[in-house]
Amino acid sequence: MERFNNKKILICLTLVIPFFFGGFISNETMMPAFRMKKIVLDAGHGGVDPGNIGSKAREKDINLAVTLLVGKYIKENMPDVQVIYTRDDDSFPTLKERPNIANVNKADLFVSIHSNSATNKSAFGTETFVMGTKYLDANFDIVKKENSVILLEENYEENYEGFDPTSPESYMMFNLMSKAHFENSVTLADQIESQFRDRVGRKSRGVKQGPFYVLWTPSMPSVLVELGFLSNTEEERFLMSQEGKEYMASAIYRSIKDYKDQIEAN
């Protein structure tokens, strides 16, 4: 009987050992390495919504020009990545439609590009936002301004289920957001601000959090970039120049490339 039991044990070991030490399927085989295949680029504002207005420039025009350049650089240098625009002309996709384009296309990244403004004409520098409610009081003016775009839309009360971009109480709903992509969003935002500061020589105001509607619903890492202040004459002049647009677009493109390399390596 003992000899029979030993035989059974040997047979079991013969079957099990190859499974663990040679016949098992590795994680790499079971789960193919992640590859970033689709990016949605969102040129803020457009159409009936000019965005911020400087002494000469309109935000919607600056945003579109830089966004198209970012897409051009990605297509030329990252042929394995598909670029999808929320707009590539002077149209006005709603605040709800913009992230929905990314969700429907199952994009891996959502980048919304904007230009800033302030009552203090000396304010200048770049900022990149990720979804969050930390320091909402400090950032409320810019958050309110960007989200107030919905007031230009028909039936916005119904479409946004009573959300009032001018009311601090409305932003309590954003505390329920998923933080699944927060770290990756911060990683990209950090790289964008580093590129602006170190490669383009712009003043970086840092990475910040804000409950922007356009960042709330994308089901992928998402950032909102502020290229500079159109209310600042010098910065407006820089962003209106072809060189300025190319520098800022190149910085965003390099950040996306570095982010892609880092995420795929991990």
Protein backbone atom coordinates (compact mmCIF):
# COMPACT_ATOMS: atom_id res chain seq x y z
CA MET A 1 0.00 0.00 0.00
CA GLU A 2 2.85 2.34 0.92
CA ARG A 3 4.59 1.56 -2.37
CA PHE A 4 1.36 2.37 -4.26
CA ASN A 5 1.06 5.73 -2.49
CA ASN A 6 4.67 6.57 -3.34
CA LYS A 7 3.91 5.82 -6.99
CA LYS A 8 0.96 8.20 -6.92
CA ILE A 9 3.17 10.92 -5.41
CA LEU A 10 5.82 10.44 -8.12
CA ILE A 11 3.21 10.67 -10.87
CA CYS A 12 1.82 13.89 -9.37
CA LEU A 13 5.27 15.42 -9.11
CA THR A 14 6.03 14.46 -12.70
CA LEU A 15 2.95 16.37 -13.83
CA VAL A 16 3.29 19.36 -11.51
CA ILE A 17 7.02 20.16 -11.63
CA PRO A 18 7.14 20.96 -15.39
CA PHE A 19 4.15 23.24 -14.91
CA PHE A 20 5.97 25.36 -12.34
CA PHE A 21 9.51 25.15 -13.70
CA GLY A 22 9.13 25.18 -17.44
CA GLY A 23 5.64 24.57 -18.61
CA PHE A 24 3.95 27.55 -16.91
CA ILE A 25 2.79 30.62 -18.82
CA SER A 26 4.59 33.79 -17.85
CA ASN A 27 2.83 37.07 -17.09
CA GLU A 28 4.36 38.51 -20.24
CA THR A 29 2.70 35.78 -22.29
CA MET A 30 -0.63 36.04 -20.53
CA MET A 31 -0.73 39.84 -20.62
CA PRO A 32 0.86 41.46 -23.70
CA ALA A 33 3.01 44.48 -22.93
CA PHE A 34 1.08 47.76 -22.91
CA ARG A 35 1.44 49.89 -26.03
CA MET A 36 0.10 53.43 -26.31
CA LYS A 37 -1.79 53.40 -29.58
CA LYS A 38 -4.24 56.31 -29.53
CA ILE A 39 -4.01 59.90 -28.31
CA VAL A 40 -6.85 62.41 -28.32
CA LEU A 41 -5.74 66.03 -28.64
CA ASP A 42 -8.27 68.63 -27.59
CA ALA A 43 -7.90 72.23 -28.76
CA GLY A 44 -9.83 74.15 -26.13
CA HIS A 45 -12.80 76.40 -27.05
CA GLY A 46 -13.61 77.16 -30.73
CA GLY A 47 -16.49 78.34 -32.86
CA VAL A 48 -18.84 80.62 -30.92
CA ASP A 49 -16.51 80.36 -27.92
CA PRO A 50 -13.32 82.41 -28.44
CA GLY A 51 -11.93 81.58 -25.00
CA ASN A 52 -9.64 84.18 -23.46
CA ILE A 53 -8.93 87.27 -25.55
CA GLY A 54 -5.67 89.19 -25.44
CA SER A 55 -4.93 92.54 -27.02
CA LYS A 56 -4.71 90.79 -30.40
CA ALA A 57 -4.95 87.03 -29.94
CA ARG A 58 -7.96 84.79 -29.39
CA GLU A 59 -7.37 81.72 -27.27
CA LYS A 60 -9.26 79.38 -29.60
CA ASP A 61 -6.83 80.22 -32.45
CA ILE A 62 -3.68 79.73 -30.35
CA ASN A 63 -5.01 76.46 -28.94
CA LEU A 64 -5.86 75.05 -32.37
CA ALA A 65 -2.55 76.02 -33.97
CA VAL A 66 -0.48 74.43 -31.19
CA THR A 67 -2.70 71.33 -31.04
CA LEU A 68 -2.36 70.70 -34.78
CA LEU A 69 1.42 71.06 -34.51
CA VAL A 70 1.55 68.56 -31.64
CA GLY A 71 -0.44 66.13 -33.77
CA LYS A 72 1.86 66.74 -36.74
CA TYR A 73 4.99 65.99 -34.70
CA ILE A 74 3.45 62.81 -33.27
CA LYS A 75 2.43 61.56 -36.72
CA GLU A 76 5.89 62.26 -38.14
CA ASN A 77 7.89 60.73 -35.29
CA MET A 78 5.57 58.19 -33.66
CA PRO A 79 3.95 56.38 -36.62
CA ASP A 80 2.60 53.64 -34.35
CA VAL A 81 0.37 56.15 -32.54
CA GLN A 82 -2.98 57.29 -33.94
CA VAL A 83 -3.85 60.96 -33.35
CA ILE A 84 -7.50 61.91 -32.94
CA TYR A 85 -8.59 65.56 -32.67
CA THR A 86 -11.70 66.77 -30.87
CA ARG A 87 -11.59 69.57 -33.45
CA ASP A 88 -9.23 70.39 -36.31
CA ASP A 89 -11.05 73.54 -37.38
CA ASP A 90 -12.99 76.44 -35.87
CA SER A 91 -15.83 74.25 -34.62
CA PHE A 92 -17.35 74.04 -31.14
CA PRO A 93 -17.56 70.53 -29.68
CA THR A 94 -19.31 70.65 -26.32
CA LEU A 95 -17.50 70.12 -23.05
CA LYS A 96 -19.22 66.75 -22.77
CA GLU A 97 -18.38 65.67 -26.34
CA ARG A 98 -14.63 66.29 -26.01
CA PRO A 99 -13.80 63.57 -23.45
CA ASN A 100 -16.50 61.34 -24.92
CA ILE A 101 -14.52 61.28 -28.19
CA ALA A 102 -11.63 59.82 -26.21
CA ASN A 103 -13.83 57.28 -24.44
CA VAL A 104 -15.60 56.11 -27.60
CA ASN A 105 -12.26 55.66 -29.40
CA LYS A 106 -10.74 53.90 -26.36
CA ALA A 107 -7.81 56.31 -26.35
CA ASP A 108 -4.78 55.82 -24.13
CA LEU A 109 -4.25 59.52 -23.44
CA PHE A 110 -6.27 62.75 -23.46
CA VAL A 111 -4.49 66.12 -23.71
CA SER A 112 -6.51 69.36 -23.64
CA ILE A 113 -4.61 72.50 -24.72
CA HIS A 114 -5.56 76.00 -23.52
CA SER A 115 -4.20 79.52 -23.02
CA ASN A 116 -4.61 81.43 -19.78
CA SER A 117 -5.66 84.94 -18.77
CA ALA A 118 -5.72 87.00 -15.56
CA THR A 119 -6.83 90.42 -14.35
CA ASN A 120 -3.24 90.91 -13.18
CA LYS A 121 -1.53 91.75 -16.47
CA SER A 122 1.89 90.83 -15.08
CA ALA A 123 0.89 87.19 -14.47
CA PHE A 124 2.76 84.81 -16.77
CA GLY A 125 3.94 81.22 -17.07
CA THR A 126 2.68 77.76 -17.90
CA GLU A 127 0.50 75.42 -15.83
CA THR A 128 -0.61 71.84 -16.34
CA PHE A 129 -3.66 70.53 -14.51
CA VAL A 130 -4.75 67.03 -13.56
CA MET A 131 -8.18 66.07 -12.25
CA GLY A 132 -8.51 66.77 -8.54
CA THR A 133 -10.09 69.02 -5.93
CA LYS A 134 -7.00 69.82 -3.89
CA TYR A 135 -6.50 73.60 -3.48
CA LEU A 136 -9.81 74.24 -5.26
CA ASP A 137 -10.17 77.63 -3.55
CA ALA A 138 -6.85 78.82 -4.97
CA ASN A 139 -7.66 77.61 -8.50
CA PHE A 140 -11.39 78.28 -8.52
CA ASP A 141 -11.29 81.29 -10.87
CA ILE A 142 -9.60 79.39 -13.69
CA VAL A 143 -11.70 76.25 -13.09
CA LYS A 144 -14.92 78.29 -13.15
CA LYS A 145 -13.83 80.08 -16.32
CA GLU A 146 -13.03 76.89 -18.23
CA ASN A 147 -16.15 75.03 -17.06
CA SER A 148 -18.42 78.00 -17.80
CA VAL A 149 -18.14 77.13 -21.49
CA ILE A 150 -21.19 74.92 -20.92
CA LEU A 151 -23.32 78.05 -20.48
CA LEU A 152 -22.96 78.62 -24.24
CA GLU A 153 -24.57 75.27 -24.99
CA GLU A 154 -28.28 74.67 -25.53
CA ASN A 155 -30.08 72.70 -22.82
CA TYR A 156 -26.96 72.71 -20.66
CA GLU A 157 -29.03 72.35 -17.46
CA GLU A 158 -30.38 69.03 -18.71
CA ASN A 159 -27.17 67.82 -20.38
CA TYR A 160 -25.05 68.44 -17.29
CA GLU A 161 -27.67 67.32 -14.76
CA GLY A 162 -27.88 70.58 -12.85
CA PHE A 163 -24.12 71.19 -12.63
CA ASP A 164 -23.49 74.93 -12.14
CA PRO A 165 -19.89 75.89 -13.01
CA THR A 166 -20.17 79.12 -11.02
CA SER A 167 -21.23 77.43 -7.77
CA PRO A 168 -18.58 75.96 -5.43
CA GLU A 169 -21.22 73.55 -4.10
CA SER A 170 -21.54 71.91 -7.52
CA TYR A 171 -17.94 70.75 -7.33
CA MET A 172 -18.68 68.36 -4.46
CA MET A 173 -19.61 65.79 -7.13
CA PHE A 174 -16.02 65.77 -8.35
CA ASN A 175 -14.87 64.24 -5.07
CA LEU A 176 -16.48 61.01 -6.28
CA MET A 177 -14.19 60.77 -9.29
CA SER A 178 -12.07 57.71 -9.93
CA LYS A 179 -8.38 58.11 -9.09
CA ALA A 180 -7.37 55.16 -11.25
CA HIS A 181 -5.35 57.29 -13.68
CA PHE A 182 -4.20 60.02 -11.28
CA GLU A 183 -0.55 58.95 -10.97
CA ASN A 184 -0.04 58.55 -14.72
CA SER A 185 -1.70 61.91 -15.34
CA VAL A 186 0.68 63.55 -12.86
CA THR A 187 3.64 61.82 -14.53
CA LEU A 188 2.74 63.33 -17.91
CA ALA A 189 1.95 66.74 -16.38
CA ASP A 190 5.35 66.78 -14.66
CA GLN A 191 7.10 66.00 -17.93
CA ILE A 192 5.21 68.74 -19.78
CA GLU A 193 6.09 71.39 -17.20
CA SER A 194 9.73 70.23 -17.15
CA GLN A 195 9.92 70.55 -20.94
CA PHE A 196 8.40 74.04 -20.85
CA ARG A 197 10.86 75.12 -18.17
CA ASP A 198 14.08 73.34 -19.18
CA ARG A 199 13.82 73.14 -22.98
CA VAL A 200 11.73 76.18 -23.94
CA GLY A 201 12.83 78.48 -21.12
CA ARG A 202 9.31 79.39 -19.96
CA LYS A 203 8.35 80.06 -16.38
CA SER A 204 6.58 76.99 -15.01
CA ARG A 205 3.88 77.61 -12.43
CA GLY A 206 3.84 73.87 -11.81
CA VAL A 207 1.47 70.94 -11.86
CA LYS A 208 -1.89 71.66 -10.25
CA GLN A 209 -5.20 69.98 -9.53
CA GLY A 210 -8.55 71.25 -10.71
CA PRO A 211 -12.07 69.82 -11.12
CA PHE A 212 -12.32 70.56 -14.83
CA TYR A 213 -15.33 68.87 -16.42
CA VAL A 214 -13.24 67.92 -19.45
CA LEU A 215 -10.87 65.94 -17.16
CA TRP A 216 -13.57 64.32 -15.06
CA THR A 217 -15.05 61.81 -17.49
CA PRO A 218 -12.12 60.49 -19.62
CA SER A 219 -11.37 56.86 -18.78
CA MET A 220 -7.64 57.29 -19.38
CA PRO A 221 -4.79 59.53 -18.10
CA SER A 222 -5.71 63.15 -18.90
CA VAL A 223 -4.17 66.59 -18.53
CA LEU A 224 -5.16 70.18 -19.29
CA VAL A 225 -2.28 72.40 -20.41
CA GLU A 226 -2.22 76.19 -20.05
CA LEU A 227 0.36 77.51 -22.54
CA GLY A 228 0.65 80.98 -21.02
CA PHE A 229 -1.25 84.19 -20.32
CA LEU A 230 -2.75 86.09 -23.22
CA SER A 231 -3.36 88.93 -20.77
CA ASN A 232 0.42 89.38 -20.56
CA THR A 233 1.62 91.36 -23.59
CA GLU A 234 5.00 89.65 -23.81
CA GLU A 235 3.59 86.16 -23.44
CA GLU A 236 0.81 86.89 -25.91
CA ARG A 237 3.40 88.02 -28.45
CA PHE A 238 5.39 84.81 -27.92
CA LEU A 239 2.34 82.55 -28.33
CA MET A 240 1.22 84.43 -31.45
CA SER A 241 4.60 83.93 -33.12
CA GLN A 242 5.18 80.85 -35.26
CA GLU A 243 8.38 80.13 -33.33
CA GLY A 244 6.50 80.25 -30.02
CA LYS A 245 3.82 77.88 -31.23
CA GLU A 246 6.43 75.44 -32.56
CA TYR A 247 8.44 75.55 -29.32
CA MET A 248 5.40 74.87 -27.15
CA ALA A 249 4.09 72.13 -29.45
CA SER A 250 7.53 70.48 -29.55
CA ALA A 251 7.68 70.49 -25.75
CA ILE A 252 4.28 68.79 -25.48
CA TYR A 253 5.22 66.26 -28.17
CA ARG A 254 8.52 65.39 -26.41
CA SER A 255 6.66 64.97 -23.13
CA ILE A 256 4.19 62.57 -24.72
CA LYS A 257 7.02 60.58 -26.30
CA ASP A 258 8.93 60.37 -23.01
CA TYR A 259 5.74 59.40 -21.22
CA LYS A 260 5.03 56.67 -23.78
CA ASP A 261 8.56 55.27 -23.45
CA GLN A 262 8.33 55.27 -19.66
CA ILE A 263 4.89 53.69 -19.43
CA GLU A 264 5.65 51.00 -22.01
CA ALA A 265 8.94 50.15 -20.30
CA ASN A 266 7.09 49.60 -17.04
